[in-house]
Amino acid sequence: MLSRLPDDFTALVTGASGGIGSAVLDALLDSERPGRVIAVSRQNMNRQDARLETLKLDLTQSQDLQRLTEHLNGEPVHLIFNAIGILHADADNLAPEKRLEDLDPDALARVFHINAATAALLLKALLPCLKGDHPTIFASLSARVGSIEDNRLGGWYAYRASKAAHNMLLRTAAIELRRLNNQATVLCLHPGTTDTALSAPFQGRVPEGKLFTPAFVAERLLDVMEQRTPQDTGSFWDWEGKSIPW
């Protein structure tokens, strides 16, 4: 697993109680390679592993990002997997827009903040842990629908645009981070349609064999990260290891 990282590497998983985040956390804990695993979520988590630290934080909030920075205290982090994101919220009547008439400024701002700004602000909060000369991977969940070139169906305005913004923010940060640590690799990753609460309302349209378990997706994304090098920093990949156009 992630052979470019040192033995007993430190890993951080955000959105760790969600479907994909939880599966990546399990995969890391199933391996002997990590020496320290930090799981961040808004929910309480209960796993028995001496290497695991759990932090109950909402990283969409600036004060909790600051608490994460203080907790890590500038110590090197070798793997960050960011699984924070939103597509819909039934309690708030938030759903993907089908047409321009559905656009709502508050919903747009919320989706952009969670899907795009939070990933960039997480990188900012972790910058003391990323600077240096140690190998580090920052991988954040994106979505193929965030590809401007690949947009042929329209709709889903906020989600599409927020993921495109996510990709631009991370690509821009990758350029800066290269100057601060030439062993850093920043990646945008498309997991495919995964059987989680995020995709649940839309699974009826998924072709047979294309709805993946979180465990399968975690395995595939870790393999994609294994294949990437610092020369790939600021790039966009799917779960099969295929490059996605911007």
C-alpha atoms as a PDB file:
ATOM      1  CA  MET A   1       0.000   0.000   0.000  1.00  0.00           C
ATOM      2  CA  LEU A   2       1.330   3.425  -1.051  1.00  0.00           C
ATOM      3  CA  SER A   3       4.908   2.199  -1.310  1.00  0.00           C
ATOM      4  CA  ARG A   4       6.264   5.698  -1.956  1.00  0.00           C
ATOM      5  CA  LEU A   5       5.307   6.706   1.583  1.00  0.00           C
ATOM      6  CA  PRO A   6       7.611   5.822   4.484  1.00  0.00           C
ATOM      7  CA  ASP A   7       7.000   2.960   6.881  1.00  0.00           C
ATOM      8  CA  ASP A   8       4.714   3.951   9.766  1.00  0.00           C
ATOM      9  CA  PHE A   9       3.410   6.902   7.746  1.00  0.00           C
ATOM     10  CA  THR A  10       0.832   9.308   9.149  1.00  0.00           C
ATOM     11  CA  ALA A  11      -2.564   9.356   7.434  1.00  0.00           C
ATOM     12  CA  LEU A  12      -5.480  11.749   7.823  1.00  0.00           C
ATOM     13  CA  VAL A  13      -8.991  10.950   6.594  1.00  0.00           C
ATOM     14  CA  THR A  14     -11.621  13.710   6.565  1.00  0.00           C
ATOM     15  CA  GLY A  15     -15.291  12.898   6.152  1.00  0.00           C
ATOM     16  CA  ALA A  16     -14.288   9.624   7.795  1.00  0.00           C
ATOM     17  CA  SER A  17     -17.790   8.528   8.835  1.00  0.00           C
ATOM     18  CA  GLY A  18     -19.211   8.728   5.290  1.00  0.00           C
ATOM     19  CA  GLY A  19     -19.368   5.775   2.939  1.00  0.00           C
ATOM     20  CA  ILE A  20     -16.105   6.233   1.031  1.00  0.00           C
ATOM     21  CA  GLY A  21     -14.209   7.944   3.848  1.00  0.00           C
ATOM     22  CA  SER A  22     -15.098   5.124   6.234  1.00  0.00           C
ATOM     23  CA  ALA A  23     -14.013   2.488   3.701  1.00  0.00           C
ATOM     24  CA  VAL A  24     -10.666   4.221   3.125  1.00  0.00           C
ATOM     25  CA  LEU A  25     -10.202   4.401   6.894  1.00  0.00           C
ATOM     26  CA  ASP A  26     -10.891   0.656   7.173  1.00  0.00           C
ATOM     27  CA  ALA A  27      -8.429  -0.105   4.376  1.00  0.00           C
ATOM     28  CA  LEU A  28      -5.716   1.904   6.086  1.00  0.00           C
ATOM     29  CA  LEU A  29      -6.326   0.189   9.413  1.00  0.00           C
ATOM     30  CA  ASP A  30      -6.284  -3.215   7.706  1.00  0.00           C
ATOM     31  CA  SER A  31      -2.735  -2.476   6.553  1.00  0.00           C
ATOM     32  CA  GLU A  32       0.338  -2.636   8.774  1.00  0.00           C
ATOM     33  CA  ARG A  33       2.009   0.262   6.949  1.00  0.00           C
ATOM     34  CA  PRO A  34       0.420   3.311   8.632  1.00  0.00           C
ATOM     35  CA  GLY A  35       1.809   4.153  12.052  1.00  0.00           C
ATOM     36  CA  ARG A  36      -0.738   6.857  12.861  1.00  0.00           C
ATOM     37  CA  VAL A  37      -4.224   7.294  11.429  1.00  0.00           C
ATOM     38  CA  ILE A  38      -6.299  10.376  12.219  1.00  0.00           C
ATOM     39  CA  ALA A  39     -10.002  10.225  11.395  1.00  0.00           C
ATOM     40  CA  VAL A  40     -11.994  13.461  11.296  1.00  0.00           C
ATOM     41  CA  SER A  41     -15.779  13.536  11.166  1.00  0.00           C
ATOM     42  CA  ARG A  42     -18.784  15.397  12.489  1.00  0.00           C
ATOM     43  CA  GLN A  43     -19.945  12.054  13.917  1.00  0.00           C
ATOM     44  CA  ASN A  44     -18.551   9.973  16.753  1.00  0.00           C
ATOM     45  CA  MET A  45     -16.583   6.965  15.514  1.00  0.00           C
ATOM     46  CA  ASN A  46     -15.723   3.773  17.344  1.00  0.00           C
ATOM     47  CA  ARG A  47     -12.941   1.544  16.041  1.00  0.00           C
ATOM     48  CA  GLN A  48     -10.493  -0.427  18.118  1.00  0.00           C
ATOM     49  CA  ASP A  49      -6.980   0.264  16.890  1.00  0.00           C
ATOM     50  CA  ALA A  50      -4.125   1.730  18.912  1.00  0.00           C
ATOM     51  CA  ARG A  51      -2.940   3.701  15.876  1.00  0.00           C
ATOM     52  CA  LEU A  52      -6.244   5.519  15.449  1.00  0.00           C
ATOM     53  CA  GLU A  53      -7.067   9.026  16.669  1.00  0.00           C
ATOM     54  CA  THR A  54     -10.615  10.284  16.168  1.00  0.00           C
ATOM     55  CA  LEU A  55     -11.494  13.961  16.064  1.00  0.00           C
ATOM     56  CA  LYS A  56     -15.090  15.205  16.073  1.00  0.00           C
ATOM     57  CA  LEU A  57     -14.847  18.347  13.956  1.00  0.00           C
ATOM     58  CA  ASP A  58     -16.860  20.084  11.255  1.00  0.00           C
ATOM     59  CA  LEU A  59     -14.170  21.146   8.786  1.00  0.00           C
ATOM     60  CA  THR A  60     -16.579  23.375   6.882  1.00  0.00           C
ATOM     61  CA  GLN A  61     -16.198  25.713   9.873  1.00  0.00           C
ATOM     62  CA  SER A  62     -13.086  27.873  10.279  1.00  0.00           C
ATOM     63  CA  GLN A  63     -12.772  27.318  14.025  1.00  0.00           C
ATOM     64  CA  ASP A  64     -12.652  23.541  13.553  1.00  0.00           C
ATOM     65  CA  LEU A  65     -10.051  23.848  10.792  1.00  0.00           C
ATOM     66  CA  GLN A  66      -7.979  25.825  13.302  1.00  0.00           C
ATOM     67  CA  ARG A  67      -8.440  23.090  15.901  1.00  0.00           C
ATOM     68  CA  LEU A  68      -7.154  20.534  13.400  1.00  0.00           C
ATOM     69  CA  THR A  69      -4.092  22.686  12.690  1.00  0.00           C
ATOM     70  CA  GLU A  70      -3.406  22.972  16.413  1.00  0.00           C
ATOM     71  CA  HIS A  71      -3.876  19.234  16.972  1.00  0.00           C
ATOM     72  CA  LEU A  72      -1.350  18.324  14.279  1.00  0.00           C
ATOM     73  CA  ASN A  73       1.110  20.980  15.462  1.00  0.00           C
ATOM     74  CA  GLY A  74       3.073  21.026  12.209  1.00  0.00           C
ATOM     75  CA  GLU A  75       4.059  17.356  12.337  1.00  0.00           C
ATOM     76  CA  PRO A  76       4.538  15.784   8.882  1.00  0.00           C
ATOM     77  CA  VAL A  77       1.445  14.145   7.392  1.00  0.00           C
ATOM     78  CA  HIS A  78       2.085  11.766   4.511  1.00  0.00           C
ATOM     79  CA  LEU A  79      -1.450  10.990   3.303  1.00  0.00           C
ATOM     80  CA  ILE A  80      -4.565  13.125   3.381  1.00  0.00           C
ATOM     81  CA  PHE A  81      -7.768  11.687   1.947  1.00  0.00           C
ATOM     82  CA  ASN A  82     -10.589  14.222   1.812  1.00  0.00           C
ATOM     83  CA  ALA A  83     -14.078  12.756   1.436  1.00  0.00           C
ATOM     84  CA  ILE A  84     -16.117  15.815   2.461  1.00  0.00           C
ATOM     85  CA  GLY A  85     -18.859  16.691   0.002  1.00  0.00           C
ATOM     86  CA  ILE A  86     -22.553  17.355  -0.560  1.00  0.00           C
ATOM     87  CA  LEU A  87     -24.975  16.644  -3.383  1.00  0.00           C
ATOM     88  CA  HIS A  88     -28.355  16.804  -1.657  1.00  0.00           C
ATOM     89  CA  ALA A  89     -29.836  17.365   1.791  1.00  0.00           C
ATOM     90  CA  ASP A  90     -33.445  16.304   2.241  1.00  0.00           C
ATOM     91  CA  ALA A  91     -33.847  18.181   5.522  1.00  0.00           C
ATOM     92  CA  ASP A  92     -32.959  21.451   3.777  1.00  0.00           C
ATOM     93  CA  ASN A  93     -34.791  20.708   0.519  1.00  0.00           C
ATOM     94  CA  LEU A  94     -31.452  20.770  -1.291  1.00  0.00           C
ATOM     95  CA  ALA A  95     -31.317  18.758  -4.511  1.00  0.00           C
ATOM     96  CA  PRO A  96     -29.469  18.857  -7.846  1.00  0.00           C
ATOM     97  CA  GLU A  97     -31.031  21.419 -10.165  1.00  0.00           C
ATOM     98  CA  LYS A  98     -32.591  20.168 -13.390  1.00  0.00           C
ATOM     99  CA  ARG A  99     -33.067  23.601 -14.977  1.00  0.00           C
ATOM    100  CA  LEU A 100     -32.076  27.244 -14.565  1.00  0.00           C
ATOM    101  CA  GLU A 101     -35.357  28.029 -12.831  1.00  0.00           C
ATOM    102  CA  ASP A 102     -34.262  25.784  -9.951  1.00  0.00           C
ATOM    103  CA  LEU A 103     -31.166  27.840  -9.103  1.00  0.00           C
ATOM    104  CA  ASP A 104     -31.084  29.277  -5.589  1.00  0.00           C
ATOM    105  CA  PRO A 105     -28.281  31.587  -4.408  1.00  0.00           C
ATOM    106  CA  ASP A 106     -28.134  30.191  -0.875  1.00  0.00           C
ATOM    107  CA  ALA A 107     -28.000  26.612  -2.124  1.00  0.00           C
ATOM    108  CA  LEU A 108     -25.290  27.523  -4.635  1.00  0.00           C
ATOM    109  CA  ALA A 109     -23.210  29.178  -1.917  1.00  0.00           C
ATOM    110  CA  ARG A 110     -23.584  26.210   0.427  1.00  0.00           C
ATOM    111  CA  VAL A 111     -22.632  23.604  -2.171  1.00  0.00           C
ATOM    112  CA  PHE A 112     -19.646  25.664  -3.335  1.00  0.00           C
ATOM    113  CA  HIS A 113     -18.470  26.151   0.243  1.00  0.00           C
ATOM    114  CA  ILE A 114     -18.619  22.452   1.143  1.00  0.00           C
ATOM    115  CA  ASN A 115     -17.424  20.960  -2.146  1.00  0.00           C
ATOM    116  CA  ALA A 116     -14.837  23.503  -3.244  1.00  0.00           C
ATOM    117  CA  ALA A 117     -13.786  26.006  -0.597  1.00  0.00           C
ATOM    118  CA  THR A 118     -13.488  23.448   2.189  1.00  0.00           C
ATOM    119  CA  ALA A 119     -10.970  21.346   0.258  1.00  0.00           C
ATOM    120  CA  ALA A 120      -8.774  24.386  -0.385  1.00  0.00           C
ATOM    121  CA  LEU A 121      -9.095  25.653   3.181  1.00  0.00           C
ATOM    122  CA  LEU A 122      -8.165  22.173   4.413  1.00  0.00           C
ATOM    123  CA  LEU A 123      -4.970  22.390   2.372  1.00  0.00           C
ATOM    124  CA  LYS A 124      -4.313  25.809   3.920  1.00  0.00           C
ATOM    125  CA  ALA A 125      -4.855  24.418   7.428  1.00  0.00           C
ATOM    126  CA  LEU A 126      -2.491  21.513   6.743  1.00  0.00           C
ATOM    127  CA  LEU A 127       0.235  23.544   5.042  1.00  0.00           C
ATOM    128  CA  PRO A 128       2.632  23.354   8.038  1.00  0.00           C
ATOM    129  CA  CYS A 129       2.334  19.544   7.853  1.00  0.00           C
ATOM    130  CA  LEU A 130       2.934  19.418   4.097  1.00  0.00           C
ATOM    131  CA  LYS A 131       5.949  21.703   3.738  1.00  0.00           C
ATOM    132  CA  GLY A 132       9.368  20.081   3.720  1.00  0.00           C
ATOM    133  CA  ASP A 133      10.964  17.242   1.822  1.00  0.00           C
ATOM    134  CA  HIS A 134       8.850  14.265   2.932  1.00  0.00           C
ATOM    135  CA  PRO A 135       6.611  12.406   0.449  1.00  0.00           C
ATOM    136  CA  THR A 136       2.996  13.404   0.859  1.00  0.00           C
ATOM    137  CA  ILE A 137      -0.246  12.748  -1.031  1.00  0.00           C
ATOM    138  CA  PHE A 138      -3.293  15.004  -0.789  1.00  0.00           C
ATOM    139  CA  ALA A 139      -6.198  13.243  -2.499  1.00  0.00           C
ATOM    140  CA  SER A 140      -9.665  14.779  -2.578  1.00  0.00           C
ATOM    141  CA  LEU A 141     -12.895  13.348  -3.936  1.00  0.00           C
ATOM    142  CA  SER A 142     -14.116  15.100  -7.050  1.00  0.00           C
ATOM    143  CA  ALA A 143     -16.626  13.880  -9.656  1.00  0.00           C
ATOM    144  CA  ARG A 144     -16.583  13.297 -13.381  1.00  0.00           C
ATOM    145  CA  VAL A 145     -19.530  15.689 -13.719  1.00  0.00           C
ATOM    146  CA  GLY A 146     -17.089  18.417 -12.665  1.00  0.00           C
ATOM    147  CA  SER A 147     -15.313  18.023 -16.007  1.00  0.00           C
ATOM    148  CA  ILE A 148     -16.285  20.985 -18.209  1.00  0.00           C
ATOM    149  CA  GLU A 149     -15.194  19.164 -21.365  1.00  0.00           C
ATOM    150  CA  ASP A 150     -17.222  16.064 -20.450  1.00  0.00           C
ATOM    151  CA  ASN A 151     -20.471  17.967 -19.720  1.00  0.00           C
ATOM    152  CA  ARG A 152     -22.946  16.763 -22.336  1.00  0.00           C
ATOM    153  CA  LEU A 153     -26.150  16.406 -20.323  1.00  0.00           C
ATOM    154  CA  GLY A 154     -26.384  19.716 -18.436  1.00  0.00           C
ATOM    155  CA  GLY A 155     -28.266  20.070 -15.170  1.00  0.00           C
ATOM    156  CA  TRP A 156     -26.851  19.636 -11.675  1.00  0.00           C
ATOM    157  CA  TYR A 157     -25.550  23.211 -11.809  1.00  0.00           C
ATOM    158  CA  ALA A 158     -24.242  23.632  -8.264  1.00  0.00           C
ATOM    159  CA  TYR A 159     -22.674  20.186  -8.000  1.00  0.00           C
ATOM    160  CA  ARG A 160     -21.017  20.336 -11.427  1.00  0.00           C
ATOM    161  CA  ALA A 161     -19.706  23.853 -10.942  1.00  0.00           C
ATOM    162  CA  SER A 162     -18.544  23.274  -7.365  1.00  0.00           C
ATOM    163  CA  LYS A 163     -16.545  20.216  -8.416  1.00  0.00           C
ATOM    164  CA  ALA A 164     -15.025  22.163 -11.322  1.00  0.00           C
ATOM    165  CA  ALA A 165     -14.067  24.867  -8.807  1.00  0.00           C
ATOM    166  CA  HIS A 166     -12.690  22.188  -6.480  1.00  0.00           C
ATOM    167  CA  ASN A 167     -10.473  20.947  -9.294  1.00  0.00           C
ATOM    168  CA  MET A 168      -9.181  24.416 -10.147  1.00  0.00           C
ATOM    169  CA  LEU A 169      -8.436  25.231  -6.516  1.00  0.00           C
ATOM    170  CA  LEU A 170      -6.494  22.007  -6.047  1.00  0.00           C
ATOM    171  CA  ARG A 171      -4.610  22.346  -9.318  1.00  0.00           C
ATOM    172  CA  THR A 172      -3.614  25.887  -8.332  1.00  0.00           C
ATOM    173  CA  ALA A 173      -2.568  24.760  -4.849  1.00  0.00           C
ATOM    174  CA  ALA A 174      -0.537  21.915  -6.371  1.00  0.00           C
ATOM    175  CA  ILE A 175       1.592  24.447  -8.271  1.00  0.00           C
ATOM    176  CA  GLU A 176       2.351  26.377  -5.088  1.00  0.00           C
ATOM    177  CA  LEU A 177       2.911  23.265  -2.980  1.00  0.00           C
ATOM    178  CA  ARG A 178       5.445  21.942  -5.510  1.00  0.00           C
ATOM    179  CA  ARG A 179       7.662  24.872  -4.567  1.00  0.00           C
ATOM    180  CA  LEU A 180       7.294  24.083  -0.865  1.00  0.00           C
ATOM    181  CA  ASN A 181       7.724  20.312  -1.116  1.00  0.00           C
ATOM    182  CA  ASN A 182       8.804  18.723  -4.379  1.00  0.00           C
ATOM    183  CA  GLN A 183       7.660  15.327  -3.127  1.00  0.00           C
ATOM    184  CA  ALA A 184       4.036  16.426  -2.750  1.00  0.00           C
ATOM    185  CA  THR A 185       1.294  14.988  -4.968  1.00  0.00           C
ATOM    186  CA  VAL A 186      -2.138  16.641  -5.091  1.00  0.00           C
ATOM    187  CA  LEU A 187      -4.874  14.582  -6.766  1.00  0.00           C
ATOM    188  CA  CYS A 188      -8.545  15.023  -7.674  1.00  0.00           C
ATOM    189  CA  LEU A 189     -10.246  11.618  -7.737  1.00  0.00           C
ATOM    190  CA  HIS A 190     -13.525  10.417  -9.240  1.00  0.00           C
ATOM    191  CA  PRO A 191     -14.764   7.333  -7.353  1.00  0.00           C
ATOM    192  CA  GLY A 192     -17.477   6.224  -9.745  1.00  0.00           C
ATOM    193  CA  THR A 193     -21.040   5.773  -8.524  1.00  0.00           C
ATOM    194  CA  THR A 194     -20.716   4.330  -5.046  1.00  0.00           C
ATOM    195  CA  ASP A 195     -23.464   2.791  -2.924  1.00  0.00           C
ATOM    196  CA  THR A 196     -23.617   5.548  -0.308  1.00  0.00           C
ATOM    197  CA  ALA A 197     -26.177   7.978   1.058  1.00  0.00           C
ATOM    198  CA  LEU A 198     -24.916  10.621  -1.395  1.00  0.00           C
ATOM    199  CA  SER A 199     -25.868   8.559  -4.458  1.00  0.00           C
ATOM    200  CA  ALA A 200     -28.891   6.739  -2.994  1.00  0.00           C
ATOM    201  CA  PRO A 201     -31.638   8.884  -4.615  1.00  0.00           C
ATOM    202  CA  PHE A 202     -30.053   8.514  -8.063  1.00  0.00           C
ATOM    203  CA  GLN A 203     -29.093   4.843  -8.194  1.00  0.00           C
ATOM    204  CA  GLY A 204     -32.070   3.843 -10.347  1.00  0.00           C
ATOM    205  CA  ARG A 205     -30.306   5.207 -13.438  1.00  0.00           C
ATOM    206  CA  VAL A 206     -26.991   3.463 -12.798  1.00  0.00           C
ATOM    207  CA  PRO A 207     -26.164   0.746 -15.381  1.00  0.00           C
ATOM    208  CA  GLU A 208     -25.856  -2.801 -14.107  1.00  0.00           C
ATOM    209  CA  GLY A 209     -22.428  -3.478 -12.672  1.00  0.00           C
ATOM    210  CA  LYS A 210     -21.590   0.236 -12.292  1.00  0.00           C
ATOM    211  CA  LEU A 211     -22.787   0.717  -8.704  1.00  0.00           C
ATOM    212  CA  PHE A 212     -19.738   0.024  -6.550  1.00  0.00           C
ATOM    213  CA  THR A 213     -19.368  -0.890  -2.901  1.00  0.00           C
ATOM    214  CA  PRO A 214     -17.416   1.581  -0.754  1.00  0.00           C
ATOM    215  CA  ALA A 215     -14.821  -1.116  -0.021  1.00  0.00           C
ATOM    216  CA  PHE A 216     -14.210  -1.660  -3.747  1.00  0.00           C
ATOM    217  CA  VAL A 217     -13.895   2.078  -4.353  1.00  0.00           C
ATOM    218  CA  ALA A 218     -11.474   2.511  -1.455  1.00  0.00           C
ATOM    219  CA  GLU A 219      -9.287  -0.275  -2.840  1.00  0.00           C
ATOM    220  CA  ARG A 220      -9.325   1.202  -6.337  1.00  0.00           C
ATOM    221  CA  LEU A 221      -8.603   4.781  -5.227  1.00  0.00           C
ATOM    222  CA  LEU A 222      -5.698   3.676  -3.042  1.00  0.00           C
ATOM    223  CA  ASP A 223      -4.353   1.813  -6.063  1.00  0.00           C
ATOM    224  CA  VAL A 224      -4.686   4.956  -8.207  1.00  0.00           C
ATOM    225  CA  MET A 225      -2.757   6.882  -5.541  1.00  0.00           C
ATOM    226  CA  GLU A 226      -0.116   4.147  -5.571  1.00  0.00           C
ATOM    227  CA  GLN A 227       0.390   4.675  -9.307  1.00  0.00           C
ATOM    228  CA  ARG A 228       0.811   8.443  -9.140  1.00  0.00           C
ATOM    229  CA  THR A 229       4.065  10.344  -8.561  1.00  0.00           C
ATOM    230  CA  PRO A 230       4.896  14.001  -7.824  1.00  0.00           C
ATOM    231  CA  GLN A 231       5.040  14.531 -11.599  1.00  0.00           C
ATOM    232  CA  ASP A 232       1.267  13.914 -11.576  1.00  0.00           C
ATOM    233  CA  THR A 233       0.495  16.581  -9.002  1.00  0.00           C
ATOM    234  CA  GLY A 234      -2.532  18.715  -9.809  1.00  0.00           C
ATOM    235  CA  SER A 235      -4.200  16.062 -11.977  1.00  0.00           C
ATOM    236  CA  PHE A 236      -7.659  14.440 -12.196  1.00  0.00           C
ATOM    237  CA  TRP A 237      -8.164  10.649 -12.270  1.00  0.00           C
ATOM    238  CA  ASP A 238     -10.997   8.155 -12.132  1.00  0.00           C
ATOM    239  CA  TRP A 239     -11.221   4.942 -10.121  1.00  0.00           C
ATOM    240  CA  GLU A 240      -9.824   2.951 -13.057  1.00  0.00           C
ATOM    241  CA  GLY A 241      -6.667   5.056 -13.169  1.00  0.00           C
ATOM    242  CA  LYS A 242      -7.744   6.916 -16.301  1.00  0.00           C
ATOM    243  CA  SER A 243      -7.093  10.636 -16.650  1.00  0.00           C
ATOM    244  CA  ILE A 244     -10.220  12.828 -16.820  1.00  0.00           C
ATOM    245  CA  PRO A 245     -10.252  15.989 -18.968  1.00  0.00           C
ATOM    246  CA  TRP A 246     -10.764  19.271 -17.165  1.00  0.00           C
END
